[in-house]
Amino acid sequence: MTLATRVRLFAASAAVAATVAFTPALAQDISETHLSAARAAIAAINATGDFDGVLPQAAGALKSELIRKNPDLVQLINAAVDEKAIELASRRVDLEREAAQAYARVFSEPELKEIAAFYESPTGRKLIADGPIVTREVLKAGEIWRRGIARDLAQMVGQQMEAASEATGTQPAPAESAPAESAPANQ
């Protein structure tokens, strides 16, 4: 899951949680056209796309575990896990329904239509495609800025304390040095 996606999901989750806490709207209060607009917005932003790998990953992990414990049953394990995973795939609609209801509780039908229209536009598609790159660059810039602020603050306070100690004849304890300004490690 990319950082931008995590940020987008966290923001959406926080908005949903806040709205659910303060909104008495229940699933039956949301019209079918409102849910349809929510499903369109979800599809446009690929809000549930990060969950596409859940079932295949769970199946793969279960196969590995069972085969490790029962190496003589490889064919049976593979067949059984694949068969049951295919049966569970139909439950994906449950996630889509819950996501649509969550978005519909937070956003009005016109807002959802605007969201879908934007993210289906060339600019919206570019934001989805290139947003993670921009987010990574902004985080790098923010880290460099944070380090510079910490360094400069330590230097400025150190100079002020030195001047004050010269005036009073006391020696203040030195502050721990601020981290050097450099590019952060790859994230």
N, C-alpha and C. Protein backbone atom coordinates (compact mmCIF):
# COMPACT_ATOMS: atom_id res chain seq x y z
N MET A 1 0.86 -1.16 0.00
CA MET A 1 0.00 0.00 0.00
C MET A 1 0.91 1.22 0.00
N THR A 2 0.70 2.13 -0.92
CA THR A 2 1.55 3.30 -1.02
C THR A 2 1.23 4.29 0.09
N LEU A 3 2.17 5.17 0.36
CA LEU A 3 1.98 6.17 1.39
C LEU A 3 0.80 7.07 1.06
N ALA A 4 0.70 7.48 -0.17
CA ALA A 4 -0.41 8.36 -0.56
C ALA A 4 -1.75 7.65 -0.36
N THR A 5 -1.78 6.39 -0.67
CA THR A 5 -3.02 5.63 -0.49
C THR A 5 -3.34 5.52 0.99
N ARG A 6 -2.32 5.25 1.80
CA ARG A 6 -2.56 5.17 3.25
C ARG A 6 -3.07 6.49 3.78
N VAL A 7 -2.48 7.59 3.32
CA VAL A 7 -2.93 8.91 3.76
C VAL A 7 -4.37 9.15 3.33
N ARG A 8 -4.67 8.81 2.05
CA ARG A 8 -6.03 9.00 1.53
C ARG A 8 -7.02 8.13 2.30
N LEU A 9 -6.67 6.88 2.57
CA LEU A 9 -7.55 5.99 3.33
C LEU A 9 -7.71 6.46 4.76
N PHE A 10 -6.61 6.94 5.39
CA PHE A 10 -6.70 7.45 6.74
C PHE A 10 -7.63 8.66 6.80
N ALA A 11 -7.46 9.58 5.86
CA ALA A 11 -8.30 10.78 5.84
C ALA A 11 -9.76 10.40 5.63
N ALA A 12 -10.00 9.49 4.70
CA ALA A 12 -11.38 9.05 4.46
C ALA A 12 -11.93 8.34 5.68
N SER A 13 -11.13 7.50 6.31
CA SER A 13 -11.57 6.78 7.50
C SER A 13 -11.88 7.74 8.64
N ALA A 14 -11.01 8.73 8.82
CA ALA A 14 -11.24 9.71 9.88
C ALA A 14 -12.52 10.50 9.62
N ALA A 15 -12.72 10.88 8.38
CA ALA A 15 -13.94 11.61 8.03
C ALA A 15 -15.16 10.75 8.25
N VAL A 16 -15.07 9.50 7.86
CA VAL A 16 -16.19 8.58 8.06
C VAL A 16 -16.46 8.40 9.55
N ALA A 17 -15.42 8.18 10.33
CA ALA A 17 -15.59 7.96 11.76
C ALA A 17 -16.21 9.18 12.43
N ALA A 18 -15.73 10.36 12.07
CA ALA A 18 -16.27 11.57 12.66
C ALA A 18 -17.73 11.77 12.27
N THR A 19 -18.03 11.52 11.04
CA THR A 19 -19.40 11.71 10.57
C THR A 19 -20.33 10.68 11.17
N VAL A 20 -19.88 9.43 11.22
CA VAL A 20 -20.72 8.38 11.78
C VAL A 20 -21.01 8.69 13.24
N ALA A 21 -20.04 9.22 13.94
CA ALA A 21 -20.23 9.53 15.35
C ALA A 21 -21.25 10.63 15.57
N PHE A 22 -21.37 11.54 14.61
CA PHE A 22 -22.26 12.68 14.79
C PHE A 22 -23.48 12.67 13.88
N THR A 23 -23.61 11.67 13.02
CA THR A 23 -24.71 11.62 12.08
C THR A 23 -25.58 10.41 12.36
N PRO A 24 -26.87 10.61 12.57
CA PRO A 24 -27.73 9.48 12.84
C PRO A 24 -28.18 8.73 11.58
N ALA A 25 -27.64 9.08 10.43
CA ALA A 25 -28.07 8.45 9.18
C ALA A 25 -27.77 6.96 9.22
N LEU A 26 -28.74 6.18 8.93
CA LEU A 26 -28.59 4.74 8.85
C LEU A 26 -28.64 4.34 7.39
N ALA A 27 -28.27 3.09 7.11
CA ALA A 27 -28.22 2.62 5.72
C ALA A 27 -29.56 2.82 5.02
N GLN A 28 -30.67 2.63 5.73
CA GLN A 28 -31.98 2.78 5.09
C GLN A 28 -32.31 4.24 4.76
N ASP A 29 -31.58 5.19 5.35
CA ASP A 29 -31.82 6.60 5.08
C ASP A 29 -31.11 7.07 3.81
N ILE A 30 -30.29 6.23 3.21
CA ILE A 30 -29.51 6.61 2.03
C ILE A 30 -30.23 6.07 0.80
N SER A 31 -30.53 6.98 -0.12
CA SER A 31 -31.26 6.56 -1.32
C SER A 31 -30.38 5.72 -2.24
N GLU A 32 -31.00 4.99 -3.13
CA GLU A 32 -30.27 4.15 -4.08
C GLU A 32 -29.44 5.02 -5.03
N THR A 33 -29.94 6.19 -5.42
CA THR A 33 -29.17 7.06 -6.31
C THR A 33 -27.94 7.61 -5.58
N HIS A 34 -28.10 7.87 -4.28
CA HIS A 34 -26.97 8.35 -3.47
C HIS A 34 -25.91 7.24 -3.38
N LEU A 35 -26.33 6.00 -3.13
CA LEU A 35 -25.39 4.88 -3.08
C LEU A 35 -24.73 4.64 -4.44
N SER A 36 -25.50 4.85 -5.49
CA SER A 36 -24.95 4.69 -6.83
C SER A 36 -23.85 5.73 -7.08
N ALA A 37 -24.09 6.95 -6.64
CA ALA A 37 -23.08 8.00 -6.78
C ALA A 37 -21.85 7.66 -5.93
N ALA A 38 -22.09 7.08 -4.76
CA ALA A 38 -20.97 6.68 -3.90
C ALA A 38 -20.16 5.57 -4.57
N ARG A 39 -20.85 4.60 -5.16
CA ARG A 39 -20.13 3.51 -5.85
C ARG A 39 -19.32 4.07 -7.02
N ALA A 40 -19.85 5.04 -7.73
CA ALA A 40 -19.11 5.65 -8.85
C ALA A 40 -17.86 6.38 -8.34
N ALA A 41 -18.00 7.09 -7.23
CA ALA A 41 -16.85 7.80 -6.65
C ALA A 41 -15.80 6.80 -6.18
N ILE A 42 -16.24 5.74 -5.53
CA ILE A 42 -15.32 4.71 -5.05
C ILE A 42 -14.56 4.09 -6.22
N ALA A 43 -15.27 3.82 -7.30
CA ALA A 43 -14.62 3.25 -8.49
C ALA A 43 -13.63 4.25 -9.08
N ALA A 44 -14.00 5.53 -9.12
CA ALA A 44 -13.14 6.54 -9.72
C ALA A 44 -11.84 6.71 -8.94
N ILE A 45 -11.92 6.66 -7.62
CA ILE A 45 -10.71 6.85 -6.81
C ILE A 45 -10.06 5.52 -6.42
N ASN A 46 -10.66 4.42 -6.84
CA ASN A 46 -10.15 3.09 -6.53
C ASN A 46 -9.98 2.94 -5.02
N ALA A 47 -10.99 3.36 -4.28
CA ALA A 47 -10.93 3.39 -2.82
C ALA A 47 -10.74 2.02 -2.19
N THR A 48 -11.22 0.98 -2.83
CA THR A 48 -11.10 -0.35 -2.25
C THR A 48 -10.05 -1.19 -2.97
N GLY A 49 -9.33 -0.61 -3.90
CA GLY A 49 -8.35 -1.35 -4.68
C GLY A 49 -7.24 -1.98 -3.86
N ASP A 50 -6.88 -1.34 -2.75
CA ASP A 50 -5.81 -1.89 -1.92
C ASP A 50 -6.22 -3.21 -1.25
N PHE A 51 -7.49 -3.53 -1.29
CA PHE A 51 -7.96 -4.78 -0.69
C PHE A 51 -8.03 -5.92 -1.70
N ASP A 52 -7.67 -5.66 -2.96
CA ASP A 52 -7.72 -6.69 -3.99
C ASP A 52 -6.84 -7.89 -3.65
N GLY A 53 -5.76 -7.66 -2.99
CA GLY A 53 -4.83 -8.75 -2.70
C GLY A 53 -5.12 -9.51 -1.42
N VAL A 54 -6.12 -9.12 -0.66
CA VAL A 54 -6.36 -9.76 0.64
C VAL A 54 -6.64 -11.25 0.49
N LEU A 55 -7.58 -11.61 -0.34
CA LEU A 55 -7.93 -13.02 -0.49
C LEU A 55 -6.78 -13.84 -1.10
N PRO A 56 -6.15 -13.38 -2.19
CA PRO A 56 -5.02 -14.16 -2.71
C PRO A 56 -3.87 -14.29 -1.69
N GLN A 57 -3.60 -13.24 -0.93
CA GLN A 57 -2.54 -13.31 0.07
C GLN A 57 -2.91 -14.28 1.19
N ALA A 58 -4.17 -14.22 1.64
CA ALA A 58 -4.61 -15.14 2.69
C ALA A 58 -4.54 -16.58 2.20
N ALA A 59 -4.96 -16.80 0.97
CA ALA A 59 -4.91 -18.15 0.39
C ALA A 59 -3.47 -18.64 0.29
N GLY A 60 -2.59 -17.78 -0.19
CA GLY A 60 -1.18 -18.15 -0.31
C GLY A 60 -0.56 -18.47 1.04
N ALA A 61 -0.86 -17.65 2.04
CA ALA A 61 -0.32 -17.88 3.38
C ALA A 61 -0.86 -19.18 3.97
N LEU A 62 -2.15 -19.43 3.77
CA LEU A 62 -2.74 -20.67 4.28
C LEU A 62 -2.15 -21.89 3.59
N LYS A 63 -1.98 -21.80 2.27
CA LYS A 63 -1.35 -22.91 1.55
C LYS A 63 0.05 -23.19 2.10
N SER A 64 0.84 -22.14 2.27
CA SER A 64 2.21 -22.32 2.78
C SER A 64 2.22 -22.98 4.15
N GLU A 65 1.35 -22.49 5.02
CA GLU A 65 1.29 -23.04 6.37
C GLU A 65 0.87 -24.50 6.36
N LEU A 66 -0.19 -24.80 5.62
CA LEU A 66 -0.69 -26.18 5.58
C LEU A 66 0.29 -27.13 4.91
N ILE A 67 0.93 -26.68 3.84
CA ILE A 67 1.90 -27.52 3.14
C ILE A 67 3.12 -27.78 4.01
N ARG A 68 3.52 -26.76 4.77
CA ARG A 68 4.66 -26.94 5.68
C ARG A 68 4.34 -28.01 6.72
N LYS A 69 3.09 -28.02 7.21
CA LYS A 69 2.69 -28.99 8.22
C LYS A 69 2.36 -30.36 7.61
N ASN A 70 1.91 -30.36 6.35
CA ASN A 70 1.46 -31.59 5.69
C ASN A 70 2.02 -31.67 4.28
N PRO A 71 3.32 -31.83 4.12
CA PRO A 71 3.91 -31.80 2.77
C PRO A 71 3.41 -32.91 1.86
N ASP A 72 2.86 -33.97 2.42
CA ASP A 72 2.36 -35.06 1.61
C ASP A 72 0.97 -34.78 1.02
N LEU A 73 0.35 -33.66 1.40
CA LEU A 73 -1.01 -33.32 0.94
C LEU A 73 -1.05 -32.09 0.05
N VAL A 74 0.03 -31.82 -0.65
CA VAL A 74 0.14 -30.59 -1.45
C VAL A 74 -1.03 -30.44 -2.42
N GLN A 75 -1.32 -31.47 -3.18
CA GLN A 75 -2.39 -31.36 -4.18
C GLN A 75 -3.74 -31.12 -3.52
N LEU A 76 -4.04 -31.83 -2.46
CA LEU A 76 -5.31 -31.66 -1.76
C LEU A 76 -5.41 -30.26 -1.18
N ILE A 77 -4.34 -29.80 -0.56
CA ILE A 77 -4.33 -28.46 0.05
C ILE A 77 -4.54 -27.40 -1.02
N ASN A 78 -3.79 -27.46 -2.11
CA ASN A 78 -3.94 -26.47 -3.18
C ASN A 78 -5.36 -26.45 -3.73
N ALA A 79 -5.92 -27.62 -3.98
CA ALA A 79 -7.27 -27.70 -4.53
C ALA A 79 -8.30 -27.16 -3.54
N ALA A 80 -8.18 -27.54 -2.28
CA ALA A 80 -9.16 -27.11 -1.27
C ALA A 80 -9.09 -25.60 -1.05
N VAL A 81 -7.88 -25.07 -0.91
CA VAL A 81 -7.73 -23.63 -0.66
C VAL A 81 -8.23 -22.85 -1.87
N ASP A 82 -7.87 -23.27 -3.07
CA ASP A 82 -8.34 -22.56 -4.27
C ASP A 82 -9.87 -22.59 -4.37
N GLU A 83 -10.46 -23.75 -4.11
CA GLU A 83 -11.92 -23.88 -4.20
C GLU A 83 -12.61 -22.96 -3.20
N LYS A 84 -12.14 -22.94 -1.96
CA LYS A 84 -12.77 -22.12 -0.93
C LYS A 84 -12.49 -20.63 -1.16
N ALA A 85 -11.33 -20.30 -1.68
CA ALA A 85 -11.03 -18.90 -1.98
C ALA A 85 -11.97 -18.38 -3.06
N ILE A 86 -12.23 -19.21 -4.05
CA ILE A 86 -13.16 -18.79 -5.12
C ILE A 86 -14.56 -18.58 -4.54
N GLU A 87 -14.97 -19.44 -3.61
CA GLU A 87 -16.27 -19.25 -2.96
C GLU A 87 -16.32 -17.93 -2.19
N LEU A 88 -15.23 -17.59 -1.53
CA LEU A 88 -15.20 -16.36 -0.73
C LEU A 88 -15.09 -15.10 -1.57
N ALA A 89 -14.66 -15.22 -2.80
CA ALA A 89 -14.50 -14.04 -3.67
C ALA A 89 -15.80 -13.27 -3.82
N SER A 90 -16.92 -13.95 -3.74
CA SER A 90 -18.21 -13.27 -3.89
C SER A 90 -18.48 -12.31 -2.74
N ARG A 91 -17.76 -12.44 -1.65
CA ARG A 91 -17.96 -11.54 -0.51
C ARG A 91 -17.34 -10.17 -0.72
N ARG A 92 -16.65 -9.99 -1.83
CA ARG A 92 -16.07 -8.68 -2.13
C ARG A 92 -17.17 -7.62 -2.22
N VAL A 93 -18.35 -7.99 -2.68
CA VAL A 93 -19.45 -7.03 -2.78
C VAL A 93 -19.82 -6.47 -1.42
N ASP A 94 -19.58 -7.24 -0.35
CA ASP A 94 -19.86 -6.73 1.00
C ASP A 94 -18.98 -5.52 1.31
N LEU A 95 -17.72 -5.61 0.94
CA LEU A 95 -16.81 -4.49 1.14
C LEU A 95 -17.25 -3.28 0.33
N GLU A 96 -17.60 -3.51 -0.93
CA GLU A 96 -18.04 -2.41 -1.79
C GLU A 96 -19.30 -1.75 -1.23
N ARG A 97 -20.24 -2.56 -0.73
CA ARG A 97 -21.47 -2.01 -0.15
C ARG A 97 -21.17 -1.18 1.08
N GLU A 98 -20.32 -1.69 1.97
CA GLU A 98 -19.95 -0.94 3.19
C GLU A 98 -19.22 0.35 2.84
N ALA A 99 -18.32 0.27 1.87
CA ALA A 99 -17.60 1.47 1.45
C ALA A 99 -18.55 2.50 0.87
N ALA A 100 -19.49 2.06 0.05
CA ALA A 100 -20.47 2.99 -0.54
C ALA A 100 -21.31 3.65 0.54
N GLN A 101 -21.72 2.88 1.53
CA GLN A 101 -22.51 3.46 2.62
C GLN A 101 -21.68 4.46 3.43
N ALA A 102 -20.42 4.13 3.66
CA ALA A 102 -19.55 5.05 4.40
C ALA A 102 -19.38 6.36 3.65
N TYR A 103 -19.12 6.29 2.36
CA TYR A 103 -18.96 7.51 1.56
C TYR A 103 -20.27 8.28 1.48
N ALA A 104 -21.38 7.56 1.35
CA ALA A 104 -22.68 8.23 1.24
C ALA A 104 -23.06 8.93 2.54
N ARG A 105 -22.61 8.41 3.68
CA ARG A 105 -22.89 9.08 4.96
C ARG A 105 -22.08 10.36 5.09
N VAL A 106 -20.90 10.41 4.47
CA VAL A 106 -20.02 11.57 4.61
C VAL A 106 -20.28 12.62 3.54
N PHE A 107 -20.51 12.17 2.32
CA PHE A 107 -20.65 13.08 1.19
C PHE A 107 -22.07 13.06 0.64
N SER A 108 -22.54 14.23 0.23
CA SER A 108 -23.85 14.31 -0.40
C SER A 108 -23.78 13.69 -1.79
N GLU A 109 -24.92 13.41 -2.35
CA GLU A 109 -24.96 12.83 -3.70
C GLU A 109 -24.28 13.76 -4.72
N PRO A 110 -24.56 15.07 -4.71
CA PRO A 110 -23.85 15.95 -5.66
C PRO A 110 -22.35 15.97 -5.45
N GLU A 111 -21.91 15.93 -4.19
CA GLU A 111 -20.47 15.90 -3.92
C GLU A 111 -19.83 14.63 -4.48
N LEU A 112 -20.51 13.51 -4.30
CA LEU A 112 -19.98 12.25 -4.83
C LEU A 112 -19.88 12.28 -6.34
N LYS A 113 -20.86 12.90 -6.98
CA LYS A 113 -20.81 13.02 -8.44
C LYS A 113 -19.64 13.90 -8.86
N GLU A 114 -19.38 14.97 -8.10
CA GLU A 114 -18.24 15.84 -8.40
C GLU A 114 -16.92 15.09 -8.20
N ILE A 115 -16.84 14.31 -7.14
CA ILE A 115 -15.63 13.53 -6.88
C ILE A 115 -15.37 12.57 -8.03
N ALA A 116 -16.40 11.84 -8.43
CA ALA A 116 -16.25 10.88 -9.54
C ALA A 116 -15.86 11.61 -10.82
N ALA A 117 -16.51 12.73 -11.10
CA ALA A 117 -16.19 13.47 -12.32
C ALA A 117 -14.74 13.94 -12.31
N PHE A 118 -14.28 14.45 -11.17
CA PHE A 118 -12.90 14.91 -11.11
C PHE A 118 -11.92 13.77 -11.31
N TYR A 119 -12.08 12.68 -10.56
CA TYR A 119 -11.11 11.58 -10.64
C TYR A 119 -11.20 10.79 -11.94
N GLU A 120 -12.27 10.95 -12.68
CA GLU A 120 -12.36 10.32 -14.00
C GLU A 120 -11.80 11.24 -15.08
N SER A 121 -11.52 12.50 -14.73
CA SER A 121 -10.95 13.45 -15.68
C SER A 121 -9.46 13.16 -15.85
N PRO A 122 -8.85 13.69 -16.91
CA PRO A 122 -7.40 13.50 -17.07
C PRO A 122 -6.59 14.00 -15.87
N THR A 123 -6.99 15.12 -15.31
CA THR A 123 -6.27 15.66 -14.15
C THR A 123 -6.44 14.74 -12.94
N GLY A 124 -7.63 14.24 -12.72
CA GLY A 124 -7.87 13.32 -11.61
C GLY A 124 -7.09 12.04 -11.77
N ARG A 125 -7.06 11.50 -12.98
CA ARG A 125 -6.28 10.28 -13.23
C ARG A 125 -4.79 10.53 -13.01
N LYS A 126 -4.33 11.72 -13.40
CA LYS A 126 -2.92 12.07 -13.18
C LYS A 126 -2.63 12.18 -11.69
N LEU A 127 -3.56 12.75 -10.94
CA LEU A 127 -3.38 12.85 -9.49
C LEU A 127 -3.27 11.46 -8.87
N ILE A 128 -4.11 10.54 -9.28
CA ILE A 128 -4.04 9.18 -8.75
C ILE A 128 -2.72 8.53 -9.14
N ALA A 129 -2.31 8.70 -10.38
CA ALA A 129 -1.08 8.06 -10.87
C ALA A 129 0.17 8.69 -10.28
N ASP A 130 0.24 10.00 -10.23
CA ASP A 130 1.46 10.69 -9.83
C ASP A 130 1.43 11.24 -8.40
N GLY A 131 0.28 11.17 -7.76
CA GLY A 131 0.16 11.66 -6.39
C GLY A 131 1.16 11.04 -5.43
N PRO A 132 1.38 9.73 -5.48
CA PRO A 132 2.36 9.13 -4.57
C PRO A 132 3.77 9.69 -4.75
N ILE A 133 4.14 9.99 -5.98
CA ILE A 133 5.46 10.56 -6.24
C ILE A 133 5.56 11.94 -5.60
N VAL A 134 4.53 12.74 -5.80
CA VAL A 134 4.51 14.10 -5.23
C VAL A 134 4.51 14.02 -3.70
N THR A 135 3.72 13.12 -3.16
CA THR A 135 3.67 12.96 -1.70
C THR A 135 5.04 12.60 -1.14
N ARG A 136 5.72 11.69 -1.80
CA ARG A 136 7.07 11.29 -1.36
C ARG A 136 8.01 12.48 -1.38
N GLU A 137 7.95 13.29 -2.45
CA GLU A 137 8.83 14.46 -2.56
C GLU A 137 8.50 15.51 -1.49
N VAL A 138 7.21 15.69 -1.22
CA VAL A 138 6.80 16.65 -0.18
C VAL A 138 7.30 16.17 1.18
N LEU A 139 7.20 14.87 1.44
CA LEU A 139 7.69 14.34 2.71
C LEU A 139 9.20 14.51 2.85
N LYS A 140 9.94 14.32 1.76
CA LYS A 140 11.39 14.55 1.79
C LYS A 140 11.68 16.02 2.10
N ALA A 141 10.99 16.91 1.39
CA ALA A 141 11.19 18.34 1.61
C ALA A 141 10.83 18.71 3.05
N GLY A 142 9.75 18.15 3.57
CA GLY A 142 9.34 18.43 4.94
C GLY A 142 10.37 17.96 5.95
N GLU A 143 10.98 16.82 5.69
CA GLU A 143 12.00 16.31 6.60
C GLU A 143 13.24 17.21 6.59
N ILE A 144 13.67 17.62 5.42
CA ILE A 144 14.82 18.55 5.31
C ILE A 144 14.49 19.85 6.02
N TRP A 145 13.29 20.37 5.81
CA TRP A 145 12.85 21.61 6.45
C TRP A 145 12.83 21.44 7.97
N ARG A 146 12.30 20.31 8.45
CA ARG A 146 12.21 20.06 9.89
C ARG A 146 13.61 20.04 10.51
N ARG A 147 14.54 19.39 9.86
CA ARG A 147 15.91 19.33 10.37
C ARG A 147 16.56 20.72 10.39
N GLY A 148 16.31 21.50 9.36
CA GLY A 148 16.86 22.86 9.30
C GLY A 148 16.30 23.74 10.40
N ILE A 149 14.99 23.62 10.64
CA ILE A 149 14.35 24.39 11.71
C ILE A 149 14.95 24.00 13.06
N ALA A 150 15.10 22.70 13.31
CA ALA A 150 15.66 22.24 14.58
C ALA A 150 17.09 22.73 14.76
N ARG A 151 17.88 22.64 13.69
CA ARG A 151 19.27 23.10 13.75
C ARG A 151 19.33 24.60 14.03
N ASP A 152 18.55 25.38 13.26
CA ASP A 152 18.58 26.83 13.42
C ASP A 152 18.06 27.26 14.79
N LEU A 153 17.03 26.58 15.29
CA LEU A 153 16.50 26.90 16.61
C LEU A 153 17.58 26.66 17.67
N ALA A 154 18.26 25.52 17.58
CA ALA A 154 19.31 25.20 18.55
C ALA A 154 20.44 26.23 18.48
N GLN A 155 20.82 26.62 17.27
CA GLN A 155 21.89 27.61 17.12
C GLN A 155 21.47 28.95 17.69
N MET A 156 20.27 29.40 17.37
CA MET A 156 19.79 30.71 17.82
C MET A 156 19.67 30.76 19.34
N VAL A 157 19.12 29.69 19.93
CA VAL A 157 18.99 29.66 21.39
C VAL A 157 20.38 29.58 22.02
N GLY A 158 21.26 28.79 21.43
CA GLY A 158 22.63 28.70 21.95
C GLY A 158 23.31 30.06 21.95
N GLN A 159 23.16 30.83 20.88
CA GLN A 159 23.76 32.16 20.79
C GLN A 159 23.17 33.09 21.85
N GLN A 160 21.85 33.01 22.04
CA GLN A 160 21.20 33.87 23.03
C GLN A 160 21.66 33.51 24.43
N MET A 161 21.76 32.21 24.70
CA MET A 161 22.19 31.78 26.03
C MET A 161 23.65 32.14 26.28
N GLU A 162 24.46 32.04 25.23
CA GLU A 162 25.88 32.42 25.35
C GLU A 162 26.00 33.90 25.67
N ALA A 163 25.22 34.73 24.98
CA ALA A 163 25.26 36.17 25.23
C ALA A 163 24.78 36.48 26.64
N ALA A 164 23.74 35.78 27.09
CA ALA A 164 23.22 36.01 28.44
C ALA A 164 24.23 35.56 29.48
N SER A 165 24.92 34.45 29.23
CA SER A 165 25.89 33.96 30.21
C SER A 165 27.11 34.87 30.29
N GLU A 166 27.49 35.46 29.16
CA GLU A 166 28.61 36.42 29.17
C GLU A 166 28.24 37.64 30.00
N ALA A 167 26.97 38.04 29.90
CA ALA A 167 26.52 39.21 30.65
C ALA A 167 26.45 38.92 32.15
N THR A 168 26.13 37.68 32.53
CA THR A 168 25.98 37.34 33.94
C THR A 168 27.17 36.59 34.51
N GLY A 169 28.05 36.10 33.66
CA GLY A 169 29.23 35.38 34.10
C GLY A 169 28.97 33.92 34.43
N THR A 170 27.86 33.35 34.01
CA THR A 170 27.57 31.93 34.27
C THR A 170 27.76 31.13 32.99
N GLN A 171 27.90 29.82 33.11
CA GLN A 171 28.08 28.94 31.95
C GLN A 171 26.86 28.02 31.84
N PRO A 172 25.99 28.19 30.82
CA PRO A 172 24.86 27.28 30.65
C PRO A 172 25.33 25.94 30.06
N ALA A 173 24.60 24.89 30.36
CA ALA A 173 24.90 23.58 29.79
C ALA A 173 24.57 23.63 28.30
N PRO A 174 25.44 23.06 27.47
CA PRO A 174 25.17 23.10 26.03
C PRO A 174 24.00 22.19 25.67
N ALA A 175 23.24 22.60 24.67
CA ALA A 175 22.13 21.78 24.16
C ALA A 175 22.71 20.66 23.32
N GLU A 176 21.99 19.56 23.26
CA GLU A 176 22.43 18.49 22.37
C GLU A 176 22.37 19.01 20.95
N SER A 177 23.34 18.62 20.18
CA SER A 177 23.39 19.16 18.81
C SER A 177 22.22 18.65 17.99
N ALA A 178 21.70 19.53 17.15
CA ALA A 178 20.59 19.19 16.26
C ALA A 178 21.12 18.29 15.16
N PRO A 179 20.28 17.41 14.61
CA PRO A 179 20.74 16.55 13.53
C PRO A 179 21.19 17.37 12.33
N ALA A 180 22.20 16.88 11.67
CA ALA A 180 22.70 17.58 10.48
C ALA A 180 21.64 17.59 9.41
N GLU A 181 21.61 18.67 8.64
CA GLU A 181 20.65 18.78 7.55
C GLU A 181 21.14 17.93 6.39
N SER A 182 20.39 16.92 6.09
CA SER A 182 20.70 16.07 4.94
C SER A 182 19.42 15.44 4.46
N ALA A 183 19.53 14.84 3.31
CA ALA A 183 18.34 14.18 2.76
C ALA A 183 18.02 12.98 3.63
N PRO A 184 16.72 12.73 3.91
CA PRO A 184 16.36 11.58 4.72
C PRO A 184 16.63 10.28 3.98
N ALA A 185 16.76 9.23 4.76
CA ALA A 185 16.94 7.91 4.16
C ALA A 185 15.71 7.57 3.34
N ASN A 186 15.87 6.70 2.36
CA ASN A 186 14.71 6.31 1.53
C ASN A 186 13.62 5.75 2.41
N GLN A 187 12.40 6.16 2.08
CA GLN A 187 11.26 5.76 2.90
C GLN A 187 10.49 4.67 2.23
